[in-house]
Amino acid sequence: MQFSHSSALWGEFPELAAGALVARGIAPGGSVDAAVARYEVAAQARLAGSAEGGLPEIQAWRRAFSRMGLKPTQYRCASEALLRRFRKEAALPRIHPMIDLCNAASMAFAIPVAVFDIGRIAGGLEVRHAVGDEVYETFSGEVEHPAAGEVVFADREGRAHARRWTNRQSGYSAVRADTTDVLIVAEALHDTAAADVPRLLEALSGDIGAAWSVPVTAAMLSASAPAFAF
């Protein structure tokens, strides 16, 4: 099983900095409160200096969404959506310790972070342009088919686990109470992304190790080394 981006996507977005992390043996009871609080303080500090739309990390994703033909304020990348909600409500709902941790880290770094249940993925994931026959399941259980050309996270059975690149994950592979193994993906396009994404992965690796005492494997991807095998 592996995670990768298509060569076409690397060609269109050579500035992409992407990293992936796998953790095996997690349980719902991991304690992440201290880490989440630390990340929330960092997010608050960033929002005190600028609304989320003014952050360079978010601006880079807005430009990418425009290049993909999407309205940036209609379809927001995951980190922008989280920061926007956090700015308005001063808190995020608690869902699962792993999701809570990744959401908080995403806000602190202003970088989209996706977390998938590996047991719900068939053969691996590739970030690529949709053919148009992929199956995407919403959190409410509705089935959609991404349009041809849309950037999706697709497995080998043609199931889309995220739509519009970093905009909307599927409910099908969302982390739940019985999840044991997770794949975490962080992607950024801003000028310092090549340094920021490894810092994010390192921070998450430490937090996961502290909360669950499980082995963590991480890697950075590139156009010349596009696949992370796990």
C-alpha atoms as a PDB file:
ATOM      1  CA  MET A   1       0.000   0.000   0.000  1.00  0.00           C
ATOM      2  CA  GLN A   2       1.252   3.482  -0.769  1.00  0.00           C
ATOM      3  CA  PHE A   3       0.333   7.163  -0.870  1.00  0.00           C
ATOM      4  CA  SER A   4       1.328   9.292  -3.844  1.00  0.00           C
ATOM      5  CA  HIS A   5       0.508  12.214  -6.128  1.00  0.00           C
ATOM      6  CA  SER A   6       0.152  11.817  -9.883  1.00  0.00           C
ATOM      7  CA  SER A   7       2.890  13.091 -12.150  1.00  0.00           C
ATOM      8  CA  ALA A   8       0.342  15.403 -13.762  1.00  0.00           C
ATOM      9  CA  LEU A   9      -0.351  17.067 -10.415  1.00  0.00           C
ATOM     10  CA  TRP A  10       3.364  17.536  -9.705  1.00  0.00           C
ATOM     11  CA  GLY A  11       3.671  19.091 -13.160  1.00  0.00           C
ATOM     12  CA  GLU A  12       0.869  21.553 -12.479  1.00  0.00           C
ATOM     13  CA  PHE A  13       1.963  22.399  -8.933  1.00  0.00           C
ATOM     14  CA  PRO A  14       5.768  22.060  -8.746  1.00  0.00           C
ATOM     15  CA  GLU A  15       5.742  24.221  -5.616  1.00  0.00           C
ATOM     16  CA  LEU A  16       3.857  21.493  -3.700  1.00  0.00           C
ATOM     17  CA  ALA A  17       5.386  20.322  -0.427  1.00  0.00           C
ATOM     18  CA  ALA A  18       3.731  17.096   0.696  1.00  0.00           C
ATOM     19  CA  GLY A  19       4.327  14.760   3.601  1.00  0.00           C
ATOM     20  CA  ALA A  20       2.665  11.636   4.927  1.00  0.00           C
ATOM     21  CA  LEU A  21       2.676   9.839   8.253  1.00  0.00           C
ATOM     22  CA  VAL A  22       1.406   6.433   9.326  1.00  0.00           C
ATOM     23  CA  ALA A  23       0.587   5.456  12.908  1.00  0.00           C
ATOM     24  CA  ARG A  24      -0.535   1.950  13.818  1.00  0.00           C
ATOM     25  CA  GLY A  25      -2.219   0.702  16.966  1.00  0.00           C
ATOM     26  CA  ILE A  26      -4.076   3.814  18.105  1.00  0.00           C
ATOM     27  CA  ALA A  27      -7.117   3.658  20.379  1.00  0.00           C
ATOM     28  CA  PRO A  28      -9.830   6.217  21.214  1.00  0.00           C
ATOM     29  CA  GLY A  29      -8.404   6.840  24.678  1.00  0.00           C
ATOM     30  CA  GLY A  30      -5.292   8.761  23.705  1.00  0.00           C
ATOM     31  CA  SER A  31      -4.783  11.952  25.722  1.00  0.00           C
ATOM     32  CA  VAL A  32      -4.181  14.935  23.431  1.00  0.00           C
ATOM     33  CA  ASP A  33      -5.599  17.765  25.545  1.00  0.00           C
ATOM     34  CA  ALA A  34      -2.244  19.426  26.233  1.00  0.00           C
ATOM     35  CA  ALA A  35      -1.179  19.247  22.588  1.00  0.00           C
ATOM     36  CA  VAL A  36      -4.525  20.564  21.355  1.00  0.00           C
ATOM     37  CA  ALA A  37      -4.362  23.454  23.829  1.00  0.00           C
ATOM     38  CA  ARG A  38      -0.832  24.299  22.682  1.00  0.00           C
ATOM     39  CA  TYR A  39      -1.876  24.349  19.036  1.00  0.00           C
ATOM     40  CA  GLU A  40      -4.961  26.433  19.791  1.00  0.00           C
ATOM     41  CA  VAL A  41      -2.791  29.064  21.481  1.00  0.00           C
ATOM     42  CA  ALA A  42      -0.598  29.155  18.379  1.00  0.00           C
ATOM     43  CA  ALA A  43      -3.657  29.491  16.156  1.00  0.00           C
ATOM     44  CA  GLN A  44      -5.023  32.318  18.293  1.00  0.00           C
ATOM     45  CA  ALA A  45      -1.710  34.140  18.008  1.00  0.00           C
ATOM     46  CA  ARG A  46      -1.746  33.843  14.238  1.00  0.00           C
ATOM     47  CA  LEU A  47      -5.329  35.041  13.989  1.00  0.00           C
ATOM     48  CA  ALA A  48      -4.532  38.005  16.236  1.00  0.00           C
ATOM     49  CA  GLY A  49      -2.198  39.299  13.541  1.00  0.00           C
ATOM     50  CA  SER A  50      -4.365  38.505  10.540  1.00  0.00           C
ATOM     51  CA  ALA A  51      -7.653  36.896   9.606  1.00  0.00           C
ATOM     52  CA  GLU A  52      -7.169  33.453   8.096  1.00  0.00           C
ATOM     53  CA  GLY A  53      -7.554  34.757   4.542  1.00  0.00           C
ATOM     54  CA  GLY A  54      -4.469  36.927   4.962  1.00  0.00           C
ATOM     55  CA  LEU A  55      -2.117  34.130   5.997  1.00  0.00           C
ATOM     56  CA  PRO A  56       0.424  33.186   3.298  1.00  0.00           C
ATOM     57  CA  GLU A  57      -0.386  29.488   3.677  1.00  0.00           C
ATOM     58  CA  ILE A  58      -4.072  30.140   2.995  1.00  0.00           C
ATOM     59  CA  GLN A  59      -3.413  32.622   0.207  1.00  0.00           C
ATOM     60  CA  ALA A  60      -1.368  29.993  -1.631  1.00  0.00           C
ATOM     61  CA  TRP A  61      -4.254  27.514  -1.465  1.00  0.00           C
ATOM     62  CA  ARG A  62      -6.708  30.184  -2.620  1.00  0.00           C
ATOM     63  CA  ARG A  63      -4.557  30.767  -5.680  1.00  0.00           C
ATOM     64  CA  ALA A  64      -4.425  27.023  -6.318  1.00  0.00           C
ATOM     65  CA  PHE A  65      -8.189  26.704  -6.029  1.00  0.00           C
ATOM     66  CA  SER A  66      -8.591  29.551  -8.520  1.00  0.00           C
ATOM     67  CA  ARG A  67      -6.251  27.745 -10.923  1.00  0.00           C
ATOM     68  CA  MET A  68      -8.458  24.669 -10.573  1.00  0.00           C
ATOM     69  CA  GLY A  69     -11.520  26.714 -11.525  1.00  0.00           C
ATOM     70  CA  LEU A  70     -12.975  26.858  -8.002  1.00  0.00           C
ATOM     71  CA  LYS A  71     -14.151  29.971  -6.168  1.00  0.00           C
ATOM     72  CA  PRO A  72     -11.729  30.231  -3.196  1.00  0.00           C
ATOM     73  CA  THR A  73     -14.337  31.675  -0.838  1.00  0.00           C
ATOM     74  CA  GLN A  74     -16.899  29.037  -1.789  1.00  0.00           C
ATOM     75  CA  TYR A  75     -14.574  26.045  -1.549  1.00  0.00           C
ATOM     76  CA  ARG A  76     -12.051  26.606   1.234  1.00  0.00           C
ATOM     77  CA  CYS A  77      -9.096  24.374   1.982  1.00  0.00           C
ATOM     78  CA  ALA A  78      -9.437  22.399   5.215  1.00  0.00           C
ATOM     79  CA  SER A  79      -7.104  24.581   7.283  1.00  0.00           C
ATOM     80  CA  GLU A  80      -8.873  27.782   6.241  1.00  0.00           C
ATOM     81  CA  ALA A  81     -12.271  26.303   7.119  1.00  0.00           C
ATOM     82  CA  LEU A  82     -11.000  25.251  10.547  1.00  0.00           C
ATOM     83  CA  LEU A  83      -9.384  28.613  11.276  1.00  0.00           C
ATOM     84  CA  ARG A  84     -12.513  30.443  10.151  1.00  0.00           C
ATOM     85  CA  ARG A  85     -14.698  28.423  12.494  1.00  0.00           C
ATOM     86  CA  PHE A  86     -12.194  28.758  15.336  1.00  0.00           C
ATOM     87  CA  ARG A  87     -12.052  32.545  14.888  1.00  0.00           C
ATOM     88  CA  LYS A  88     -15.835  32.783  15.091  1.00  0.00           C
ATOM     89  CA  GLU A  89     -16.502  30.240  17.853  1.00  0.00           C
ATOM     90  CA  ALA A  90     -13.192  30.202  19.793  1.00  0.00           C
ATOM     91  CA  ALA A  91     -13.306  26.392  19.893  1.00  0.00           C
ATOM     92  CA  LEU A  92     -13.781  23.301  17.761  1.00  0.00           C
ATOM     93  CA  PRO A  93     -16.018  20.345  18.648  1.00  0.00           C
ATOM     94  CA  ARG A  94     -14.213  17.278  19.986  1.00  0.00           C
ATOM     95  CA  ILE A  95     -14.702  14.279  17.702  1.00  0.00           C
ATOM     96  CA  HIS A  96     -11.931  11.718  18.271  1.00  0.00           C
ATOM     97  CA  PRO A  97      -8.514  12.361  19.864  1.00  0.00           C
ATOM     98  CA  MET A  98      -6.687  11.758  16.577  1.00  0.00           C
ATOM     99  CA  ILE A  99      -9.007  14.049  14.625  1.00  0.00           C
ATOM    100  CA  ASP A 100      -8.879  16.677  17.374  1.00  0.00           C
ATOM    101  CA  LEU A 101      -5.076  16.590  17.338  1.00  0.00           C
ATOM    102  CA  CYS A 102      -4.801  16.858  13.553  1.00  0.00           C
ATOM    103  CA  ASN A 103      -7.376  19.644  13.356  1.00  0.00           C
ATOM    104  CA  ALA A 104      -5.560  21.657  16.009  1.00  0.00           C
ATOM    105  CA  ALA A 105      -2.183  21.158  14.321  1.00  0.00           C
ATOM    106  CA  SER A 106      -3.718  22.145  10.991  1.00  0.00           C
ATOM    107  CA  MET A 107      -4.883  25.421  12.507  1.00  0.00           C
ATOM    108  CA  ALA A 108      -1.572  26.188  14.188  1.00  0.00           C
ATOM    109  CA  PHE A 109       0.390  25.663  10.976  1.00  0.00           C
ATOM    110  CA  ALA A 110      -2.433  26.872   8.665  1.00  0.00           C
ATOM    111  CA  ILE A 111      -1.715  23.776   6.566  1.00  0.00           C
ATOM    112  CA  PRO A 112      -4.395  21.267   5.494  1.00  0.00           C
ATOM    113  CA  VAL A 113      -4.046  17.958   7.346  1.00  0.00           C
ATOM    114  CA  ALA A 114      -6.092  14.924   6.348  1.00  0.00           C
ATOM    115  CA  VAL A 115      -6.350  11.775   8.460  1.00  0.00           C
ATOM    116  CA  PHE A 116      -7.691   8.512   7.001  1.00  0.00           C
ATOM    117  CA  ASP A 117      -8.576   5.120   8.447  1.00  0.00           C
ATOM    118  CA  ILE A 118      -6.184   2.811   6.583  1.00  0.00           C
ATOM    119  CA  GLY A 119      -8.541  -0.119   7.030  1.00  0.00           C
ATOM    120  CA  ARG A 120     -11.072   1.647   4.789  1.00  0.00           C
ATOM    121  CA  ILE A 121      -8.634   2.262   1.920  1.00  0.00           C
ATOM    122  CA  ALA A 122      -8.255  -0.233  -0.926  1.00  0.00           C
ATOM    123  CA  GLY A 123      -4.660  -0.661  -2.066  1.00  0.00           C
ATOM    124  CA  GLY A 124      -3.438   2.853  -1.319  1.00  0.00           C
ATOM    125  CA  LEU A 125      -4.260   6.449  -2.192  1.00  0.00           C
ATOM    126  CA  GLU A 126      -3.274   8.642  -5.118  1.00  0.00           C
ATOM    127  CA  VAL A 127      -3.986  12.354  -5.356  1.00  0.00           C
ATOM    128  CA  ARG A 128      -4.969  12.761  -9.002  1.00  0.00           C
ATOM    129  CA  HIS A 129      -7.478  14.202 -11.407  1.00  0.00           C
ATOM    130  CA  ALA A 130     -10.768  12.344 -11.348  1.00  0.00           C
ATOM    131  CA  VAL A 131     -11.913  10.314 -14.328  1.00  0.00           C
ATOM    132  CA  GLY A 132     -15.538  11.014 -13.429  1.00  0.00           C
ATOM    133  CA  ASP A 133     -16.711   7.586 -12.311  1.00  0.00           C
ATOM    134  CA  GLU A 134     -15.190   7.657  -8.821  1.00  0.00           C
ATOM    135  CA  VAL A 135     -17.504   7.069  -5.862  1.00  0.00           C
ATOM    136  CA  TYR A 136     -17.475   9.570  -3.010  1.00  0.00           C
ATOM    137  CA  GLU A 137     -19.507   9.074   0.169  1.00  0.00           C
ATOM    138  CA  THR A 138     -20.469  12.091   2.274  1.00  0.00           C
ATOM    139  CA  PHE A 139     -20.616  12.061   6.083  1.00  0.00           C
ATOM    140  CA  SER A 140     -24.395  11.727   5.805  1.00  0.00           C
ATOM    141  CA  GLY A 141     -24.026   8.626   3.608  1.00  0.00           C
ATOM    142  CA  GLU A 142     -24.978  10.209   0.291  1.00  0.00           C
ATOM    143  CA  VAL A 143     -23.031   9.087  -2.778  1.00  0.00           C
ATOM    144  CA  GLU A 144     -21.512  11.591  -5.195  1.00  0.00           C
ATOM    145  CA  HIS A 145     -19.396  11.308  -8.341  1.00  0.00           C
ATOM    146  CA  PRO A 146     -16.675  13.958  -8.673  1.00  0.00           C
ATOM    147  CA  ALA A 147     -16.545  15.619 -12.064  1.00  0.00           C
ATOM    148  CA  ALA A 148     -13.831  14.595 -14.503  1.00  0.00           C
ATOM    149  CA  GLY A 149     -10.720  16.651 -13.854  1.00  0.00           C
ATOM    150  CA  GLU A 150     -11.472  17.398 -10.206  1.00  0.00           C
ATOM    151  CA  VAL A 151      -8.539  16.632  -7.885  1.00  0.00           C
ATOM    152  CA  VAL A 152      -9.421  13.708  -5.613  1.00  0.00           C
ATOM    153  CA  PHE A 153      -7.746  11.241  -3.255  1.00  0.00           C
ATOM    154  CA  ALA A 154      -8.595   7.959  -4.994  1.00  0.00           C
ATOM    155  CA  ASP A 155      -7.905   4.364  -4.025  1.00  0.00           C
ATOM    156  CA  ARG A 156      -7.446   1.407  -6.367  1.00  0.00           C
ATOM    157  CA  GLU A 157     -11.143   0.560  -6.377  1.00  0.00           C
ATOM    158  CA  GLY A 158     -12.078   4.024  -7.627  1.00  0.00           C
ATOM    159  CA  ARG A 159     -13.373   5.319  -4.324  1.00  0.00           C
ATOM    160  CA  ALA A 160     -12.690   9.012  -3.725  1.00  0.00           C
ATOM    161  CA  HIS A 161     -11.673   9.660  -0.109  1.00  0.00           C
ATOM    162  CA  ALA A 162     -11.488  13.429  -0.550  1.00  0.00           C
ATOM    163  CA  ARG A 163     -12.885  15.909  -3.055  1.00  0.00           C
ATOM    164  CA  ARG A 164     -11.470  19.168  -4.418  1.00  0.00           C
ATOM    165  CA  TRP A 165      -8.018  18.247  -3.174  1.00  0.00           C
ATOM    166  CA  THR A 166      -7.857  19.662   0.374  1.00  0.00           C
ATOM    167  CA  ASN A 167     -11.452  20.827   0.594  1.00  0.00           C
ATOM    168  CA  ARG A 168     -13.673  17.942   1.641  1.00  0.00           C
ATOM    169  CA  GLN A 169     -12.911  14.500   3.069  1.00  0.00           C
ATOM    170  CA  SER A 170     -15.219  11.516   2.731  1.00  0.00           C
ATOM    171  CA  GLY A 171     -17.114  10.070   5.643  1.00  0.00           C
ATOM    172  CA  TYR A 172     -16.251   6.581   4.396  1.00  0.00           C
ATOM    173  CA  SER A 173     -12.649   6.564   5.643  1.00  0.00           C
ATOM    174  CA  ALA A 174     -13.040   9.001   8.528  1.00  0.00           C
ATOM    175  CA  VAL A 175     -11.441   7.989  11.817  1.00  0.00           C
ATOM    176  CA  ARG A 176     -13.928   6.377  14.193  1.00  0.00           C
ATOM    177  CA  ALA A 177     -13.937   4.546  17.525  1.00  0.00           C
ATOM    178  CA  ASP A 178     -12.717   1.260  16.060  1.00  0.00           C
ATOM    179  CA  THR A 179      -9.933   2.777  13.947  1.00  0.00           C
ATOM    180  CA  THR A 180      -6.487   1.384  14.745  1.00  0.00           C
ATOM    181  CA  ASP A 181      -4.242   2.492  11.855  1.00  0.00           C
ATOM    182  CA  VAL A 182      -4.187   5.956  10.301  1.00  0.00           C
ATOM    183  CA  LEU A 183      -2.620   7.704   7.339  1.00  0.00           C
ATOM    184  CA  ILE A 184      -2.055  11.425   7.857  1.00  0.00           C
ATOM    185  CA  VAL A 185      -1.310  13.725   4.926  1.00  0.00           C
ATOM    186  CA  ALA A 186      -0.095  17.335   5.055  1.00  0.00           C
ATOM    187  CA  GLU A 187       0.220  19.472   1.910  1.00  0.00           C
ATOM    188  CA  ALA A 188       1.221  23.087   1.370  1.00  0.00           C
ATOM    189  CA  LEU A 189       2.044  25.448  -1.484  1.00  0.00           C
ATOM    190  CA  HIS A 190       3.378  28.640   0.142  1.00  0.00           C
ATOM    191  CA  ASP A 191       6.963  29.913  -0.112  1.00  0.00           C
ATOM    192  CA  THR A 192       8.250  28.258   3.096  1.00  0.00           C
ATOM    193  CA  ALA A 193       6.217  25.066   2.703  1.00  0.00           C
ATOM    194  CA  ALA A 194       9.290  22.877   2.153  1.00  0.00           C
ATOM    195  CA  ALA A 195      10.416  23.726   5.688  1.00  0.00           C
ATOM    196  CA  ASP A 196       7.004  24.005   7.355  1.00  0.00           C
ATOM    197  CA  VAL A 197       5.549  20.636   6.325  1.00  0.00           C
ATOM    198  CA  PRO A 198       8.452  18.635   7.857  1.00  0.00           C
ATOM    199  CA  ARG A 199       8.070  20.670  11.061  1.00  0.00           C
ATOM    200  CA  LEU A 200       4.376  19.807  11.125  1.00  0.00           C
ATOM    201  CA  LEU A 201       5.062  16.103  10.600  1.00  0.00           C
ATOM    202  CA  GLU A 202       7.719  16.121  13.317  1.00  0.00           C
ATOM    203  CA  ALA A 203       5.347  17.820  15.752  1.00  0.00           C
ATOM    204  CA  LEU A 204       2.528  15.381  15.027  1.00  0.00           C
ATOM    205  CA  SER A 205       4.867  12.395  15.290  1.00  0.00           C
ATOM    206  CA  GLY A 206       5.899  13.502  18.757  1.00  0.00           C
ATOM    207  CA  ASP A 207       2.334  14.162  19.878  1.00  0.00           C
ATOM    208  CA  ILE A 208       1.090  10.810  18.583  1.00  0.00           C
ATOM    209  CA  GLY A 209       3.963   8.966  20.210  1.00  0.00           C
ATOM    210  CA  ALA A 210       3.241  10.684  23.514  1.00  0.00           C
ATOM    211  CA  ALA A 211      -0.510  10.063  23.377  1.00  0.00           C
ATOM    212  CA  TRP A 212      -0.556   6.467  22.165  1.00  0.00           C
ATOM    213  CA  SER A 213       2.998   5.080  22.514  1.00  0.00           C
ATOM    214  CA  VAL A 214       2.801   3.596  19.011  1.00  0.00           C
ATOM    215  CA  PRO A 215       5.339   3.502  16.168  1.00  0.00           C
ATOM    216  CA  VAL A 216       5.117   6.358  13.688  1.00  0.00           C
ATOM    217  CA  THR A 217       6.608   6.431  10.179  1.00  0.00           C
ATOM    218  CA  ALA A 218       6.782   9.641   8.164  1.00  0.00           C
ATOM    219  CA  ALA A 219       8.196  10.801   4.842  1.00  0.00           C
ATOM    220  CA  MET A 220       8.317  13.826   2.581  1.00  0.00           C
ATOM    221  CA  LEU A 221       7.298  13.371  -1.043  1.00  0.00           C
ATOM    222  CA  SER A 222       8.538  15.057  -4.205  1.00  0.00           C
ATOM    223  CA  ALA A 223       8.182  14.838  -7.964  1.00  0.00           C
ATOM    224  CA  SER A 224      11.292  12.632  -8.063  1.00  0.00           C
ATOM    225  CA  ALA A 225      10.169  10.524  -5.068  1.00  0.00           C
ATOM    226  CA  PRO A 226       6.368  10.719  -5.241  1.00  0.00           C
ATOM    227  CA  ALA A 227       5.379   7.565  -3.324  1.00  0.00           C
ATOM    228  CA  PHE A 228       5.291   6.750   0.391  1.00  0.00           C
ATOM    229  CA  ALA A 229       4.999   2.986   0.929  1.00  0.00           C
ATOM    230  CA  PHE A 230       3.500   1.717   4.172  1.00  0.00           C
END
